[in-house]
Amino acid sequence: MPPTPTRRPIIDPILLALKSRRVVVALCTLLIGLLTLAVPNLQPIRGELLTLLITLALAVIAGYSVEDAARLARDRSTIAPDAADLRELLREVLSELLTEAARPDSLPEQSRNP
């Protein structure tokens, strides 16, 4: 998108969505699905063909999602937290959990009255 000071409220989100690989795969699947419905010779196998087409599109979209998640995890792993900081954080969480569990008013009414 051009770096213009004026934003186009309808066009810009559409252009941004069309840059997504997932949206492109979904639109191609929709287009091929509609073409499949338009061909009368494919009537006997139309259901199986649409099932195969949708399954393939979902697999490609899932593959893109896994790839993006792996890239994000790889980028975040370069900034690894210190092990001592993690231990201290875990001690604080466990301490607060035990303190909360030891308070008598934290128990349900049924447990306090036998």
Protein backbone atom coordinates (compact mmCIF):
# COMPACT_ATOMS: atom_id res chain seq x y z
CA MET A 1 0.00 0.00 0.00
CA PRO A 2 1.29 3.48 -0.74
CA PRO A 3 2.32 5.50 2.31
CA THR A 4 -0.33 8.18 1.94
CA PRO A 5 -1.59 10.31 4.80
CA THR A 6 -5.20 9.60 3.84
CA ARG A 7 -6.51 6.13 4.63
CA ARG A 8 -9.15 4.52 2.48
CA PRO A 9 -11.47 2.82 4.99
CA ILE A 10 -12.82 0.17 2.62
CA ILE A 11 -10.03 -0.44 0.12
CA ASP A 12 -7.08 -0.66 2.53
CA PRO A 13 -8.42 -3.57 4.65
CA ILE A 14 -9.35 -5.47 1.48
CA LEU A 15 -5.88 -5.01 0.01
CA LEU A 16 -4.32 -6.03 3.31
CA ALA A 17 -6.44 -9.19 3.43
CA LEU A 18 -5.57 -10.09 -0.16
CA LYS A 19 -1.87 -10.09 0.76
CA SER A 20 -2.50 -13.02 3.11
CA ARG A 21 -1.65 -16.44 1.67
CA ARG A 22 -4.52 -18.01 3.59
CA VAL A 23 -7.06 -15.66 2.03
CA VAL A 24 -5.68 -16.31 -1.45
CA VAL A 25 -5.96 -20.09 -0.92
CA ALA A 26 -9.52 -19.71 0.39
CA LEU A 27 -10.55 -17.54 -2.57
CA CYS A 28 -9.00 -19.97 -5.08
CA THR A 29 -10.79 -22.85 -3.40
CA LEU A 30 -14.08 -20.97 -3.59
CA LEU A 31 -13.54 -20.15 -7.26
CA ILE A 32 -12.65 -23.74 -8.19
CA GLY A 33 -15.57 -25.01 -6.12
CA LEU A 34 -17.97 -22.76 -8.00
CA LEU A 35 -16.50 -23.87 -11.32
CA THR A 36 -16.96 -27.49 -10.23
CA LEU A 37 -20.62 -26.79 -9.51
CA ALA A 38 -21.05 -25.15 -12.91
CA VAL A 39 -19.83 -28.16 -14.92
CA PRO A 40 -22.78 -30.54 -15.44
CA ASN A 41 -20.58 -33.52 -16.40
CA LEU A 42 -19.16 -33.62 -12.87
CA GLN A 43 -22.58 -34.24 -11.27
CA PRO A 44 -21.84 -37.88 -10.26
CA ILE A 45 -18.63 -37.05 -8.41
CA ARG A 46 -19.39 -33.47 -7.33
CA GLY A 47 -19.62 -34.26 -3.60
CA GLU A 48 -16.36 -36.18 -3.50
CA LEU A 49 -14.59 -33.55 -5.57
CA LEU A 50 -15.73 -30.71 -3.31
CA THR A 51 -14.73 -32.71 -0.21
CA LEU A 52 -11.28 -33.31 -1.68
CA LEU A 53 -10.91 -29.67 -2.69
CA ILE A 54 -11.91 -28.33 0.74
CA THR A 55 -9.67 -30.84 2.52
CA LEU A 56 -6.71 -29.86 0.39
CA ALA A 57 -7.33 -26.15 0.99
CA LEU A 58 -7.59 -26.68 4.73
CA ALA A 59 -4.35 -28.67 4.72
CA VAL A 60 -2.54 -25.88 2.85
CA ILE A 61 -3.92 -23.23 5.21
CA ALA A 62 -2.92 -25.34 8.22
CA GLY A 63 0.56 -25.73 6.75
CA TYR A 64 0.86 -21.96 6.40
CA SER A 65 -0.27 -21.57 10.02
CA VAL A 66 2.31 -24.06 11.28
CA GLU A 67 5.01 -22.35 9.21
CA ASP A 68 4.10 -18.93 10.62
CA ALA A 69 3.97 -20.29 14.17
CA ALA A 70 7.39 -21.91 13.76
CA ARG A 71 8.84 -18.66 12.40
CA LEU A 72 7.37 -16.72 15.33
CA ALA A 73 8.71 -19.25 17.85
CA ARG A 74 12.13 -19.15 16.23
CA ASP A 75 12.15 -15.35 16.40
CA ARG A 76 11.12 -15.36 20.04
CA SER A 77 13.62 -18.05 21.00
CA THR A 78 16.52 -15.75 20.20
CA ILE A 79 15.57 -13.73 23.26
CA ALA A 80 15.69 -16.53 25.82
CA PRO A 81 14.86 -15.60 29.41
CA ASP A 82 17.45 -16.29 32.07
CA ALA A 83 16.97 -19.58 33.96
CA ALA A 84 17.41 -17.82 37.32
CA ASP A 85 14.62 -15.38 36.44
CA LEU A 86 12.34 -18.27 35.55
CA ARG A 87 13.08 -20.04 38.83
CA GLU A 88 12.37 -16.89 40.82
CA LEU A 89 9.11 -16.34 38.95
CA LEU A 90 8.08 -19.94 39.57
CA ARG A 91 8.88 -19.59 43.30
CA GLU A 92 6.74 -16.46 43.52
CA VAL A 93 3.80 -18.12 41.76
CA LEU A 94 3.99 -21.23 43.95
CA SER A 95 4.31 -19.15 47.09
CA GLU A 96 1.22 -17.11 46.20
CA LEU A 97 -0.67 -20.27 45.31
CA LEU A 98 0.15 -21.93 48.63
CA THR A 99 -0.68 -18.76 50.56
CA GLU A 100 -4.04 -18.54 48.82
CA ALA A 101 -4.80 -22.23 49.43
CA ALA A 102 -3.89 -21.95 53.14
CA ARG A 103 -6.38 -19.17 53.86
CA PRO A 104 -9.49 -20.57 55.61
CA ASP A 105 -11.88 -18.26 53.72
CA SER A 106 -10.66 -19.64 50.40
CA LEU A 107 -12.38 -22.98 51.01
CA PRO A 108 -15.95 -23.54 49.79
CA GLU A 109 -18.77 -23.46 52.36
CA GLN A 110 -19.34 -27.23 52.15
CA SER A 111 -15.72 -28.03 53.06
CA ARG A 112 -15.71 -25.86 56.20
CA ASN A 113 -18.97 -27.23 57.64
CA PRO A 114 -18.86 -31.03 57.98
